[in-house]
Amino acid sequence: MADEDRRPWQAWRRTDEDAGLPAARGPGSRRTFGATWWGRAWLEALEQRARLDPGRLSRGRSYARRGSVLELTVSPGEVEAIVQGSRVTPYQVTVRIRAFSRAEWDSVMDVVSAQIGRVAALLDGELPPEVIDDVHDAGLDLLPGAGEVLTHCTCPDFAVPCKHSAAVCYLIADALDDDPFALLLLRGRQKDELLAALRTRRGTTGGAIVTPRTPPPAGIPAIAAFARHMTATPEQPTESGPSEGGGRPGGGGPVAIPAPPRPLGAPGVPAAVQVLDPPRSSGVDVRDLVALATDAARRAWELASGDGDGGLSLTFEQDLARRAALVLGTSDLADLAHRAGVPARQLTSWAVAWREAGPGGLAVTVDEPHDVPPEAVAEALEALPTATTEANRVTTGKLQLRLGSDNLWYRFDQHFNDWTLTRPPAPDPRDLL
């Protein structure tokens, strides 16, 4: 390494060579590792199963956060890295993991190739988490277990692992975030070799999966078949003959169209987003992806169950208030407000209005006062004789009634100088008192 490459590290040192590096500071001092499912799975195995010294792992994590690992290369069965320590000359670190034998890889390939969906994903360049189960079915573990992580470093520290080796172990999670196939490489099989073996086992041509199948019958178009069936009578059976368990008793004739299956009793979270993380280069946070997918599933459930239109007709403000109402009372609301460019205090009032009264409640919350005929507010003034009026608003003390454009009355109460909708609307203002 050239002298000029060492200058940043020398600038950190004092007069003696073993002065040590500074403590991690700034944004990197609290950086996390494992941005994807595979990165987190590696860290869990490293910290829970590999039986490495927790104290050494903690020191290595600090080294990794400060950027001490200068280079890292993954090859079959091992990781080689250059780590800058407290001395001028960096240390050479090697982390080894037992590679599977050829016979063990054959067992793994037998299991994986039997799963058509798994093969399709692998050939498409994806490594689904279910491969962990496939390897387990072959009697092996893809992630390292006890005693399988072996380290070596050129530093004078004889502890195993030393802090330099432990730092490299944490940076392997970054390598898996970038390319989960690196884990297969650590077990001795390169990606190209794996895909070639899969194509051979599946009898592929040109990279596309070819599976033998019986040619389908010629048949007739679905519309023609349905029309022919519906025009048949009990005296004129369909070509398929008498119905068996589904038609009219005694022969052909129209058969009632089966009712579509009912949706689930309640919306759920799409399973895929819980196990398949977005690519690290996409910049998409997995928590945001889960939140959006869960919201989409809820809206789809509303459409399927007939409980609303799924929010397809909402404006930006309405949809923002709807989403805020779902996280009202949590820290997620402040994050949503920041992303939407709306003050958190304002979005909270929108969320409360939406929760209490939906679009109508939001409208009277955000709309400016608008003129209404005097007789429209007469009932409210009778119920509140000491109140003052401003357009569609009747106010007395810390209570205010607003007449919405839907001819419903909405009650607002003043909290910390803000007017907040506090209950569902009513056609008679006296019902809100």
Foldseek 3Di string as FASTA:
>chain_A
DDPVVLVVLVVQADDDQQRKGDFDDDPLQPDDFFQALLLVVQVCQVPPFQPADPVLLVLLQRQLSNPQWDDWDFAAFKIWTWGDISGSGTKIKMKGFAADDPVLVVLLLVQQLVDVVCLVQLLVQHHFPCSQVSSVVSVDGLHDGYPGIFMDMPDPDPGVVHSNNSNNSRCVSVVCLQHVCSSNRSNPDHSVRSNVVSCVVQVHDPSDRDDDDDDDDPDDDPVVVLVQQAPADLVGADPVWADDPFADPNIGHHTDDDDDDADDPAFDFPPCLVRGPDRPVVPDRSVVVRLVRSLQRRLVNCCRNVVDNSCPPPDPLLVLLCSLLVQQPHPVLCVSCVVVVHHSVVSNLSVQQCVAENPQSNCVQPDDAAADDPVLCVQVCVVVVVWDDDHQWTDDDQWIWGQTPVQWIFIWGDDPNGTHTDHYTHNGVVVVD
